[in-house]
Structures are given as C-alpha cells and as structure tokens.
Amino acid sequence: MNKTVPELANRWLRRTPENLTELERRVLQSAVDRKPVSQNINESLAGLQGAGDRIADAIARVGGSWTFILSFIAFLILWIGANWWLLGQESFDPYPFIFLNLVLSMVAALQAPVIMMAQNRQTERDRIDAAHDYEVNLKAEIEIMALHEKLDELRHGQILGMRDELVRLADLVKRIDERLSQQQPSS
C-alpha cells in the first residue's frame, strides 16, 4: 500500500488531512507503515494506578461481592445475638444498638466514596477501551478497503489480460480463416 496519509484520508475517509482527528491520523499512519494498532489497554493502565487506586479497587471488589454481604449479615446477627441474648442486661451495646448504628454509618460513609472512586476509574477505563475499540475497528475497515482495492486491481488486470488474449485469439482465428479461404478452390 504505497500511499501517504493525505491520499488515504481523501480516498477512504473522504476528508482532507487537516480535518482528521489525531486518532484517525494515527490509524492511517499505521496502515501506511503496516503496523498494528491493537494493544492491551489493561497493561497500559496498570502502570498508571497509584497505591490509593489499587486499594480503592480492592475495597470496591470486596464491598461489592456476595461474600462481603453474607459476611456482614453474619456479623450483624452475631452482634445482635451477643448483645441481646448472651449478655442480657450487661450487654456492650443494648437495644436499639446505637453503637452498631454508628459503626454501620461510618462503614457506609467510608465505603461509598471509595466505591464511587473505583466506579469513576472504571468509567474512564471503559472510555479508553471504547476509543481503542474504535481505533481498531477503523484500522480493520481501512485494511478491508485496501484488500478490496487490491482485489479490484487484480480483477482489472485479469480482465485486461483476457481482453488481450481474446484479441490475440481473434487475430489467430482471422488468420486461420484467411488461410482456409485461400486454400479452398473458387467455384
């Protein structure tokens, strides 16, 4: 594909090179250079995460799991059971479990923003992933268009070759016909 980015922009994207986005320019350049554009986005993003990001992701992973929910239900049952039945009048946190409510509120107050931070990062990852998918799809479309052009050129070459062969065969048939006409006695 011995073309340049401006030629490809005009031919396949129907745009002038000045109107291309950086992503489209990069994809067209990769088509010219015959280099892939696909990459593992997770590896790229993994190096950009700080310790706080990894902790927030781990908390969100644990806090959004059935294991956490079931463990927390078991903890609540144990807390209520220990304070109501086992300790009776001398319970650590008597009914209506005010200390338990304080603990639950603190857990919710800390867990909610951490989960939201993880969701925001996931949204950003999804945005990057969607842009990368678009880049790969655009490259695939360009490669398909290039293949169509190559097939069209091959087909055109074959048609020209067949035309030349037909002209040669027609000339040969004409010469044979002329020889046969000369060999037949006139009546």
N, C-alpha and C. Protein backbone atom coordinates (compact mmCIF):
# COMPACT_ATOMS: atom_id res chain seq x y z
N MET A 1 0.84 -1.16 0.00
CA MET A 1 0.00 0.00 0.00
C MET A 1 0.89 1.23 0.00
N ASN A 2 1.51 1.52 -1.07
CA ASN A 2 2.45 2.63 -1.16
C ASN A 2 1.70 3.95 -1.28
N LYS A 3 0.98 4.30 -0.27
CA LYS A 3 0.19 5.53 -0.25
C LYS A 3 0.67 6.38 0.91
N THR A 4 0.21 7.61 0.93
CA THR A 4 0.52 8.51 2.04
C THR A 4 -0.76 8.78 2.83
N VAL A 5 -0.58 9.32 4.02
CA VAL A 5 -1.73 9.61 4.88
C VAL A 5 -2.73 10.54 4.19
N PRO A 6 -2.28 11.64 3.54
CA PRO A 6 -3.26 12.51 2.86
C PRO A 6 -4.04 11.78 1.77
N GLU A 7 -3.36 10.91 1.00
CA GLU A 7 -4.05 10.17 -0.05
C GLU A 7 -5.11 9.24 0.55
N LEU A 8 -4.73 8.54 1.64
CA LEU A 8 -5.67 7.63 2.27
C LEU A 8 -6.83 8.37 2.91
N ALA A 9 -6.55 9.54 3.49
CA ALA A 9 -7.61 10.33 4.11
C ALA A 9 -8.64 10.73 3.06
N ASN A 10 -8.17 11.16 1.90
CA ASN A 10 -9.09 11.54 0.82
C ASN A 10 -9.83 10.34 0.27
N ARG A 11 -9.10 9.24 0.08
CA ARG A 11 -9.68 8.08 -0.58
C ARG A 11 -10.66 7.33 0.31
N TRP A 12 -10.28 7.03 1.54
CA TRP A 12 -11.09 6.14 2.37
C TRP A 12 -11.95 6.86 3.39
N LEU A 13 -11.51 7.97 3.91
CA LEU A 13 -12.30 8.67 4.92
C LEU A 13 -13.04 9.87 4.35
N ARG A 14 -12.77 10.17 3.09
CA ARG A 14 -13.41 11.29 2.41
C ARG A 14 -13.23 12.61 3.18
N ARG A 15 -12.01 12.82 3.66
CA ARG A 15 -11.68 14.02 4.42
C ARG A 15 -10.34 14.55 3.97
N THR A 16 -10.18 15.83 4.19
CA THR A 16 -8.87 16.41 3.94
C THR A 16 -8.00 16.11 5.16
N PRO A 17 -6.69 16.04 4.98
CA PRO A 17 -5.81 15.72 6.10
C PRO A 17 -5.94 16.70 7.28
N GLU A 18 -6.32 17.93 7.00
CA GLU A 18 -6.45 18.92 8.08
C GLU A 18 -7.65 18.62 8.97
N ASN A 19 -8.64 17.90 8.45
CA ASN A 19 -9.86 17.61 9.21
C ASN A 19 -9.81 16.28 9.95
N LEU A 20 -8.67 15.61 9.91
CA LEU A 20 -8.54 14.33 10.60
C LEU A 20 -8.31 14.55 12.09
N THR A 21 -8.87 13.65 12.90
CA THR A 21 -8.54 13.67 14.33
C THR A 21 -7.17 13.02 14.51
N GLU A 22 -6.61 13.20 15.67
CA GLU A 22 -5.30 12.59 15.95
C GLU A 22 -5.40 11.07 15.86
N LEU A 23 -6.50 10.52 16.34
CA LEU A 23 -6.71 9.07 16.29
C LEU A 23 -6.76 8.59 14.84
N GLU A 24 -7.51 9.29 14.00
CA GLU A 24 -7.61 8.88 12.59
C GLU A 24 -6.27 9.01 11.88
N ARG A 25 -5.54 10.05 12.20
CA ARG A 25 -4.20 10.23 11.61
C ARG A 25 -3.28 9.08 12.02
N ARG A 26 -3.36 8.70 13.32
CA ARG A 26 -2.52 7.61 13.82
C ARG A 26 -2.89 6.28 13.14
N VAL A 27 -4.19 6.05 12.95
CA VAL A 27 -4.63 4.81 12.30
C VAL A 27 -4.18 4.77 10.85
N LEU A 28 -4.34 5.89 10.14
CA LEU A 28 -3.90 5.92 8.74
C LEU A 28 -2.39 5.73 8.64
N GLN A 29 -1.65 6.34 9.56
CA GLN A 29 -0.19 6.17 9.55
C GLN A 29 0.18 4.71 9.82
N SER A 30 -0.56 4.06 10.71
CA SER A 30 -0.29 2.64 10.98
C SER A 30 -0.60 1.79 9.75
N ALA A 31 -1.61 2.21 8.96
CA ALA A 31 -1.92 1.48 7.73
C ALA A 31 -0.80 1.66 6.71
N VAL A 32 -0.27 2.87 6.63
CA VAL A 32 0.84 3.14 5.71
C VAL A 32 2.07 2.35 6.13
N ASP A 33 2.34 2.35 7.45
CA ASP A 33 3.53 1.67 7.98
C ASP A 33 3.35 0.17 8.12
N ARG A 34 2.10 -0.31 7.90
CA ARG A 34 1.78 -1.75 8.05
C ARG A 34 2.08 -2.23 9.47
N LYS A 35 1.66 -1.42 10.47
CA LYS A 35 1.85 -1.78 11.88
C LYS A 35 0.50 -1.91 12.55
N PRO A 36 0.39 -2.81 13.53
CA PRO A 36 -0.89 -2.97 14.23
C PRO A 36 -1.16 -1.80 15.19
N VAL A 37 -2.43 -1.58 15.48
CA VAL A 37 -2.80 -0.54 16.45
C VAL A 37 -3.32 -1.15 17.74
N SER A 38 -3.62 -2.43 17.73
CA SER A 38 -4.17 -3.06 18.92
C SER A 38 -3.10 -3.18 19.99
N GLN A 39 -3.57 -3.04 21.23
CA GLN A 39 -2.69 -3.16 22.38
C GLN A 39 -3.51 -3.58 23.57
N ASN A 40 -2.85 -4.07 24.60
CA ASN A 40 -3.54 -4.47 25.82
C ASN A 40 -3.70 -3.23 26.70
N ILE A 41 -4.90 -2.70 26.74
CA ILE A 41 -5.18 -1.48 27.50
C ILE A 41 -4.96 -1.71 28.99
N ASN A 42 -5.27 -2.90 29.48
CA ASN A 42 -5.10 -3.17 30.91
C ASN A 42 -3.64 -3.02 31.33
N GLU A 43 -2.73 -3.50 30.48
CA GLU A 43 -1.31 -3.34 30.81
C GLU A 43 -0.90 -1.87 30.81
N SER A 44 -1.45 -1.11 29.88
CA SER A 44 -1.13 0.31 29.80
C SER A 44 -1.61 1.06 31.03
N LEU A 45 -2.82 0.72 31.49
CA LEU A 45 -3.41 1.43 32.62
C LEU A 45 -2.88 0.94 33.96
N ALA A 46 -2.39 -0.28 34.00
CA ALA A 46 -1.92 -0.84 35.28
C ALA A 46 -0.75 -0.02 35.84
N GLY A 47 0.11 0.46 35.00
CA GLY A 47 1.26 1.23 35.46
C GLY A 47 0.89 2.62 35.94
N LEU A 48 -0.31 3.10 35.58
CA LEU A 48 -0.73 4.44 35.95
C LEU A 48 -1.43 4.49 37.31
N GLN A 49 -1.78 3.33 37.86
CA GLN A 49 -2.51 3.30 39.13
C GLN A 49 -1.57 3.49 40.30
N GLY A 50 -2.01 4.35 41.22
CA GLY A 50 -1.26 4.54 42.45
C GLY A 50 -1.74 3.56 43.51
N ALA A 51 -1.12 3.63 44.67
CA ALA A 51 -1.49 2.73 45.77
C ALA A 51 -2.94 2.97 46.19
N GLY A 52 -3.36 4.24 46.26
CA GLY A 52 -4.73 4.56 46.64
C GLY A 52 -5.74 3.99 45.66
N ASP A 53 -5.40 4.04 44.38
CA ASP A 53 -6.29 3.49 43.36
C ASP A 53 -6.43 1.98 43.51
N ARG A 54 -5.31 1.32 43.76
CA ARG A 54 -5.36 -0.15 43.92
C ARG A 54 -6.15 -0.53 45.18
N ILE A 55 -5.98 0.25 46.25
CA ILE A 55 -6.73 -0.02 47.49
C ILE A 55 -8.21 0.20 47.26
N ALA A 56 -8.56 1.30 46.60
CA ALA A 56 -9.97 1.58 46.31
C ALA A 56 -10.59 0.49 45.45
N ASP A 57 -9.85 0.01 44.47
CA ASP A 57 -10.35 -1.08 43.62
C ASP A 57 -10.55 -2.35 44.43
N ALA A 58 -9.61 -2.64 45.33
CA ALA A 58 -9.74 -3.85 46.17
C ALA A 58 -10.94 -3.73 47.09
N ILE A 59 -11.14 -2.55 47.70
CA ILE A 59 -12.28 -2.36 48.60
C ILE A 59 -13.58 -2.49 47.81
N ALA A 60 -13.63 -1.90 46.62
CA ALA A 60 -14.83 -1.99 45.78
C ALA A 60 -15.08 -3.44 45.36
N ARG A 61 -14.01 -4.17 45.06
CA ARG A 61 -14.15 -5.57 44.66
C ARG A 61 -14.71 -6.39 45.82
N VAL A 62 -14.21 -6.15 47.02
CA VAL A 62 -14.68 -6.89 48.20
C VAL A 62 -16.06 -6.40 48.60
N GLY A 63 -16.25 -5.06 48.67
CA GLY A 63 -17.51 -4.49 49.12
C GLY A 63 -18.68 -4.77 48.19
N GLY A 64 -18.41 -5.10 46.97
CA GLY A 64 -19.47 -5.39 46.01
C GLY A 64 -19.63 -6.87 45.74
N SER A 65 -19.26 -7.69 46.69
CA SER A 65 -19.33 -9.13 46.47
C SER A 65 -20.36 -9.78 47.41
N TRP A 66 -20.83 -10.94 47.02
CA TRP A 66 -21.75 -11.69 47.87
C TRP A 66 -21.06 -12.15 49.15
N THR A 67 -19.79 -12.42 49.05
CA THR A 67 -19.04 -12.83 50.25
C THR A 67 -19.11 -11.73 51.30
N PHE A 68 -18.91 -10.49 50.90
CA PHE A 68 -18.98 -9.37 51.84
C PHE A 68 -20.38 -9.24 52.41
N ILE A 69 -21.39 -9.30 51.56
CA ILE A 69 -22.77 -9.14 52.02
C ILE A 69 -23.13 -10.23 53.02
N LEU A 70 -22.82 -11.47 52.69
CA LEU A 70 -23.15 -12.58 53.59
C LEU A 70 -22.33 -12.51 54.87
N SER A 71 -21.08 -12.13 54.77
CA SER A 71 -20.24 -11.97 55.97
C SER A 71 -20.77 -10.86 56.85
N PHE A 72 -21.21 -9.78 56.25
CA PHE A 72 -21.73 -8.65 57.02
C PHE A 72 -23.04 -9.01 57.70
N ILE A 73 -23.89 -9.77 57.00
CA ILE A 73 -25.14 -10.25 57.63
C ILE A 73 -24.80 -11.15 58.82
N ALA A 74 -23.82 -12.04 58.65
CA ALA A 74 -23.40 -12.90 59.76
C ALA A 74 -22.86 -12.06 60.92
N PHE A 75 -22.08 -11.03 60.63
CA PHE A 75 -21.56 -10.14 61.68
C PHE A 75 -22.70 -9.45 62.42
N LEU A 76 -23.69 -8.97 61.70
CA LEU A 76 -24.83 -8.30 62.34
C LEU A 76 -25.60 -9.26 63.24
N ILE A 77 -25.81 -10.46 62.77
CA ILE A 77 -26.53 -11.46 63.57
C ILE A 77 -25.72 -11.77 64.83
N LEU A 78 -24.42 -11.94 64.70
CA LEU A 78 -23.57 -12.21 65.87
C LEU A 78 -23.59 -11.03 66.84
N TRP A 79 -23.50 -9.83 66.32
CA TRP A 79 -23.51 -8.63 67.17
C TRP A 79 -24.82 -8.54 67.96
N ILE A 80 -25.93 -8.69 67.24
CA ILE A 80 -27.23 -8.60 67.89
C ILE A 80 -27.41 -9.74 68.88
N GLY A 81 -27.03 -10.94 68.44
CA GLY A 81 -27.16 -12.11 69.33
C GLY A 81 -26.31 -11.96 70.58
N ALA A 82 -25.08 -11.51 70.43
CA ALA A 82 -24.19 -11.38 71.58
C ALA A 82 -24.69 -10.30 72.54
N ASN A 83 -25.21 -9.22 72.03
CA ASN A 83 -25.64 -8.12 72.88
C ASN A 83 -27.05 -8.31 73.44
N TRP A 84 -27.86 -9.09 72.84
CA TRP A 84 -29.23 -9.22 73.30
C TRP A 84 -29.41 -10.47 74.14
N TRP A 85 -28.96 -11.62 73.63
CA TRP A 85 -29.23 -12.86 74.33
C TRP A 85 -28.12 -13.25 75.30
N LEU A 86 -26.90 -13.18 74.83
CA LEU A 86 -25.81 -13.70 75.65
C LEU A 86 -25.49 -12.81 76.84
N LEU A 87 -25.42 -11.52 76.60
CA LEU A 87 -25.01 -10.63 77.68
C LEU A 87 -26.19 -10.10 78.50
N GLY A 88 -27.35 -10.17 77.95
CA GLY A 88 -28.55 -9.77 78.70
C GLY A 88 -28.49 -8.33 79.15
N GLN A 89 -28.60 -8.12 80.45
CA GLN A 89 -28.65 -6.77 81.00
C GLN A 89 -27.32 -6.04 80.92
N GLU A 90 -26.23 -6.78 80.94
CA GLU A 90 -24.91 -6.15 80.92
C GLU A 90 -24.30 -6.16 79.51
N SER A 91 -25.12 -5.98 78.51
CA SER A 91 -24.64 -6.04 77.13
C SER A 91 -23.79 -4.83 76.79
N PHE A 92 -22.89 -5.04 75.87
CA PHE A 92 -21.96 -3.99 75.42
C PHE A 92 -22.71 -2.88 74.68
N ASP A 93 -23.67 -3.26 73.82
CA ASP A 93 -24.44 -2.30 73.02
C ASP A 93 -25.91 -2.72 73.09
N PRO A 94 -26.62 -2.27 74.14
CA PRO A 94 -28.01 -2.72 74.32
C PRO A 94 -28.93 -2.22 73.21
N TYR A 95 -30.07 -2.88 73.13
CA TYR A 95 -31.09 -2.49 72.15
C TYR A 95 -31.41 -1.02 72.37
N PRO A 96 -31.45 -0.20 71.38
CA PRO A 96 -31.57 -0.27 69.92
C PRO A 96 -30.23 -0.26 69.20
N PHE A 97 -29.17 -0.74 69.81
CA PHE A 97 -27.87 -0.93 69.17
C PHE A 97 -27.31 0.36 68.56
N ILE A 98 -27.20 1.37 69.35
CA ILE A 98 -26.74 2.68 68.90
C ILE A 98 -25.29 2.61 68.41
N PHE A 99 -24.43 1.89 69.13
CA PHE A 99 -23.03 1.77 68.70
C PHE A 99 -22.94 1.04 67.36
N LEU A 100 -23.77 0.01 67.18
CA LEU A 100 -23.79 -0.71 65.90
C LEU A 100 -24.21 0.23 64.78
N ASN A 101 -25.21 1.07 65.02
CA ASN A 101 -25.63 2.05 64.01
C ASN A 101 -24.50 3.01 63.68
N LEU A 102 -23.73 3.43 64.68
CA LEU A 102 -22.60 4.32 64.45
C LEU A 102 -21.54 3.63 63.58
N VAL A 103 -21.24 2.38 63.91
CA VAL A 103 -20.26 1.62 63.13
C VAL A 103 -20.74 1.45 61.69
N LEU A 104 -22.02 1.08 61.51
CA LEU A 104 -22.56 0.90 60.16
C LEU A 104 -22.52 2.21 59.38
N SER A 105 -22.84 3.33 60.04
CA SER A 105 -22.80 4.63 59.36
C SER A 105 -21.38 4.99 58.95
N MET A 106 -20.41 4.70 59.81
CA MET A 106 -19.02 5.00 59.46
C MET A 106 -18.54 4.13 58.30
N VAL A 107 -18.91 2.86 58.32
CA VAL A 107 -18.53 1.97 57.23
C VAL A 107 -19.15 2.45 55.92
N ALA A 108 -20.44 2.81 55.97
CA ALA A 108 -21.11 3.30 54.76
C ALA A 108 -20.50 4.63 54.29
N ALA A 109 -20.18 5.51 55.25
CA ALA A 109 -19.62 6.82 54.89
C ALA A 109 -18.24 6.67 54.24
N LEU A 110 -17.48 5.68 54.62
CA LEU A 110 -16.16 5.47 54.01
C LEU A 110 -16.24 4.62 52.75
N GLN A 111 -17.10 3.62 52.79
CA GLN A 111 -17.16 2.68 51.67
C GLN A 111 -17.77 3.31 50.42
N ALA A 112 -18.80 4.13 50.57
CA ALA A 112 -19.48 4.71 49.41
C ALA A 112 -18.55 5.56 48.55
N PRO A 113 -17.78 6.51 49.11
CA PRO A 113 -16.89 7.28 48.24
C PRO A 113 -15.79 6.44 47.60
N VAL A 114 -15.32 5.44 48.34
CA VAL A 114 -14.26 4.58 47.77
C VAL A 114 -14.82 3.80 46.58
N ILE A 115 -16.03 3.28 46.72
CA ILE A 115 -16.65 2.55 45.61
C ILE A 115 -16.91 3.50 44.45
N MET A 116 -17.34 4.73 44.75
CA MET A 116 -17.57 5.70 43.68
C MET A 116 -16.26 6.05 42.96
N MET A 117 -15.16 6.14 43.69
CA MET A 117 -13.87 6.39 43.05
C MET A 117 -13.51 5.25 42.11
N ALA A 118 -13.74 4.03 42.57
CA ALA A 118 -13.44 2.86 41.73
C ALA A 118 -14.35 2.86 40.49
N GLN A 119 -15.62 3.23 40.66
CA GLN A 119 -16.52 3.28 39.53
C GLN A 119 -16.11 4.37 38.54
N ASN A 120 -15.66 5.51 39.05
CA ASN A 120 -15.19 6.58 38.17
C ASN A 120 -13.98 6.12 37.36
N ARG A 121 -13.06 5.41 38.01
CA ARG A 121 -11.89 4.89 37.30
C ARG A 121 -12.33 3.86 36.27
N GLN A 122 -13.31 3.03 36.63
CA GLN A 122 -13.81 2.03 35.69
C GLN A 122 -14.47 2.71 34.49
N THR A 123 -15.19 3.78 34.74
CA THR A 123 -15.81 4.54 33.65
C THR A 123 -14.74 5.10 32.73
N GLU A 124 -13.68 5.63 33.30
CA GLU A 124 -12.58 6.17 32.50
C GLU A 124 -11.91 5.05 31.69
N ARG A 125 -11.72 3.88 32.33
CA ARG A 125 -11.16 2.73 31.60
C ARG A 125 -12.07 2.33 30.45
N ASP A 126 -13.38 2.33 30.70
CA ASP A 126 -14.33 1.98 29.64
C ASP A 126 -14.27 2.99 28.50
N ARG A 127 -14.11 4.26 28.83
CA ARG A 127 -14.00 5.30 27.80
C ARG A 127 -12.74 5.06 26.96
N ILE A 128 -11.63 4.76 27.63
CA ILE A 128 -10.37 4.49 26.91
C ILE A 128 -10.52 3.23 26.06
N ASP A 129 -11.17 2.22 26.62
CA ASP A 129 -11.38 0.97 25.91
C ASP A 129 -12.26 1.19 24.67
N ALA A 130 -13.30 2.01 24.80
CA ALA A 130 -14.17 2.30 23.66
C ALA A 130 -13.40 3.05 22.57
N ALA A 131 -12.55 4.00 22.97
CA ALA A 131 -11.75 4.73 21.98
C ALA A 131 -10.79 3.78 21.28
N HIS A 132 -10.21 2.85 22.04
CA HIS A 132 -9.29 1.87 21.44
C HIS A 132 -10.05 0.94 20.50
N ASP A 133 -11.25 0.53 20.90
CA ASP A 133 -12.07 -0.31 20.02
C ASP A 133 -12.37 0.41 18.71
N TYR A 134 -12.70 1.70 18.81
CA TYR A 134 -12.96 2.49 17.61
C TYR A 134 -11.71 2.52 16.72
N GLU A 135 -10.56 2.70 17.34
CA GLU A 135 -9.30 2.76 16.59
C GLU A 135 -9.04 1.45 15.86
N VAL A 136 -9.23 0.34 16.57
CA VAL A 136 -9.01 -0.98 15.95
C VAL A 136 -10.04 -1.23 14.85
N ASN A 137 -11.30 -0.85 15.08
CA ASN A 137 -12.33 -1.04 14.06
C ASN A 137 -12.05 -0.19 12.83
N LEU A 138 -11.62 1.04 13.04
CA LEU A 138 -11.28 1.91 11.91
C LEU A 138 -10.13 1.30 11.11
N LYS A 139 -9.13 0.79 11.81
CA LYS A 139 -7.99 0.16 11.13
C LYS A 139 -8.46 -1.06 10.34
N ALA A 140 -9.37 -1.84 10.93
CA ALA A 140 -9.88 -3.02 10.23
C ALA A 140 -10.64 -2.61 8.97
N GLU A 141 -11.45 -1.56 9.07
CA GLU A 141 -12.17 -1.08 7.89
C GLU A 141 -11.21 -0.62 6.80
N ILE A 142 -10.17 0.10 7.20
CA ILE A 142 -9.19 0.59 6.23
C ILE A 142 -8.48 -0.59 5.56
N GLU A 143 -8.11 -1.59 6.36
CA GLU A 143 -7.46 -2.77 5.79
C GLU A 143 -8.39 -3.51 4.84
N ILE A 144 -9.67 -3.57 5.18
CA ILE A 144 -10.64 -4.22 4.29
C ILE A 144 -10.77 -3.44 2.98
N MET A 145 -10.81 -2.11 3.10
CA MET A 145 -10.87 -1.30 1.88
C MET A 145 -9.62 -1.50 1.04
N ALA A 146 -8.46 -1.62 1.68
CA ALA A 146 -7.22 -1.85 0.94
C ALA A 146 -7.28 -3.21 0.23
N LEU A 147 -7.81 -4.22 0.92
CA LEU A 147 -7.94 -5.53 0.29
C LEU A 147 -8.89 -5.47 -0.91
N HIS A 148 -10.00 -4.74 -0.75
CA HIS A 148 -10.92 -4.59 -1.88
C HIS A 148 -10.23 -3.92 -3.06
N GLU A 149 -9.44 -2.91 -2.79
CA GLU A 149 -8.71 -2.25 -3.88
C GLU A 149 -7.75 -3.22 -4.56
N LYS A 150 -7.04 -4.00 -3.75
CA LYS A 150 -6.10 -4.97 -4.33
C LYS A 150 -6.84 -6.00 -5.18
N LEU A 151 -7.98 -6.48 -4.67
CA LEU A 151 -8.76 -7.45 -5.44
C LEU A 151 -9.29 -6.82 -6.72
N ASP A 152 -9.75 -5.57 -6.64
CA ASP A 152 -10.22 -4.87 -7.83
C ASP A 152 -9.09 -4.72 -8.85
N GLU A 153 -7.89 -4.38 -8.39
CA GLU A 153 -6.75 -4.24 -9.29
C GLU A 153 -6.41 -5.58 -9.94
N LEU A 154 -6.44 -6.66 -9.13
CA LEU A 154 -6.17 -7.99 -9.69
C LEU A 154 -7.22 -8.36 -10.73
N ARG A 155 -8.49 -8.12 -10.39
CA ARG A 155 -9.58 -8.44 -11.32
C ARG A 155 -9.44 -7.61 -12.59
N HIS A 156 -9.12 -6.34 -12.45
CA HIS A 156 -8.93 -5.47 -13.61
C HIS A 156 -7.77 -5.99 -14.48
N GLY A 157 -6.68 -6.37 -13.81
CA GLY A 157 -5.54 -6.93 -14.55
C GLY A 157 -5.92 -8.20 -15.28
N GLN A 158 -6.71 -9.06 -14.64
CA GLN A 158 -7.14 -10.29 -15.29
C GLN A 158 -8.04 -9.99 -16.48
N ILE A 159 -8.92 -9.03 -16.32
CA ILE A 159 -9.82 -8.67 -17.43
C ILE A 159 -9.02 -8.13 -18.61
N LEU A 160 -8.03 -7.26 -18.31
CA LEU A 160 -7.18 -6.76 -19.39
C LEU A 160 -6.41 -7.89 -20.05
N GLY A 161 -5.92 -8.82 -19.24
CA GLY A 161 -5.21 -9.97 -19.79
C GLY A 161 -6.11 -10.83 -20.66
N MET A 162 -7.33 -11.05 -20.21
CA MET A 162 -8.27 -11.84 -21.01
C MET A 162 -8.63 -11.10 -22.30
N ARG A 163 -8.78 -9.77 -22.21
CA ARG A 163 -9.08 -8.99 -23.41
C ARG A 163 -7.94 -9.12 -24.43
N ASP A 164 -6.71 -8.99 -23.93
CA ASP A 164 -5.56 -9.13 -24.83
C ASP A 164 -5.50 -10.53 -25.43
N GLU A 165 -5.82 -11.53 -24.61
CA GLU A 165 -5.82 -12.91 -25.10
C GLU A 165 -6.92 -13.10 -26.14
N LEU A 166 -8.10 -12.49 -25.88
CA LEU A 166 -9.19 -12.59 -26.87
C LEU A 166 -8.81 -11.91 -28.18
N VAL A 167 -8.16 -10.76 -28.11
CA VAL A 167 -7.71 -10.06 -29.31
C VAL A 167 -6.72 -10.95 -30.06
N ARG A 168 -5.79 -11.56 -29.32
CA ARG A 168 -4.80 -12.45 -29.95
C ARG A 168 -5.49 -13.65 -30.59
N LEU A 169 -6.46 -14.24 -29.85
CA LEU A 169 -7.16 -15.40 -30.40
C LEU A 169 -8.02 -15.00 -31.60
N ALA A 170 -8.64 -13.84 -31.55
CA ALA A 170 -9.46 -13.37 -32.68
C ALA A 170 -8.57 -13.16 -33.90
N ASP A 171 -7.39 -12.61 -33.66
CA ASP A 171 -6.44 -12.40 -34.77
C ASP A 171 -6.02 -13.75 -35.33
N LEU A 172 -5.76 -14.71 -34.45
CA LEU A 172 -5.36 -16.04 -34.89
C LEU A 172 -6.48 -16.70 -35.69
N VAL A 173 -7.72 -16.59 -35.20
CA VAL A 173 -8.87 -17.17 -35.92
C VAL A 173 -9.01 -16.50 -37.28
N LYS A 174 -8.80 -15.19 -37.32
CA LYS A 174 -8.91 -14.45 -38.58
C LYS A 174 -7.86 -14.93 -39.59
N ARG A 175 -6.62 -15.15 -39.09
CA ARG A 175 -5.56 -15.62 -39.99
C ARG A 175 -5.85 -17.04 -40.46
N ILE A 176 -6.35 -17.87 -39.54
CA ILE A 176 -6.69 -19.25 -39.95
C ILE A 176 -7.81 -19.22 -40.99
N ASP A 177 -8.80 -18.35 -40.76
CA ASP A 177 -9.91 -18.25 -41.70
C ASP A 177 -9.41 -17.77 -43.06
N GLU A 178 -8.48 -16.80 -43.07
CA GLU A 178 -7.93 -16.32 -44.32
C GLU A 178 -7.17 -17.43 -45.04
N ARG A 179 -6.40 -18.23 -44.30
CA ARG A 179 -5.67 -19.35 -44.94
C ARG A 179 -6.63 -20.37 -45.52
N LEU A 180 -7.67 -20.65 -44.73
CA LEU A 180 -8.66 -21.63 -45.23
C LEU A 180 -9.35 -21.09 -46.47
N SER A 181 -9.62 -19.81 -46.49
CA SER A 181 -10.28 -19.20 -47.65
C SER A 181 -9.37 -19.28 -48.86
N GLN A 182 -8.07 -19.09 -48.68
CA GLN A 182 -7.14 -19.15 -49.80
C GLN A 182 -6.95 -20.56 -50.30
N GLN A 183 -7.07 -21.54 -49.42
CA GLN A 183 -6.85 -22.94 -49.84
C GLN A 183 -8.07 -23.53 -50.56
N GLN A 184 -9.22 -23.02 -50.33
CA GLN A 184 -10.41 -23.58 -50.97
C GLN A 184 -10.45 -23.11 -52.44
N PRO A 185 -10.76 -24.05 -53.29
CA PRO A 185 -10.85 -23.67 -54.72
C PRO A 185 -12.09 -22.78 -54.92
N SER A 186 -11.95 -21.83 -55.77
CA SER A 186 -13.11 -20.97 -56.04
C SER A 186 -14.08 -21.73 -56.96
N SER A 187 -15.34 -21.55 -56.72
CA SER A 187 -16.32 -22.28 -57.51
C SER A 187 -16.79 -21.56 -58.71
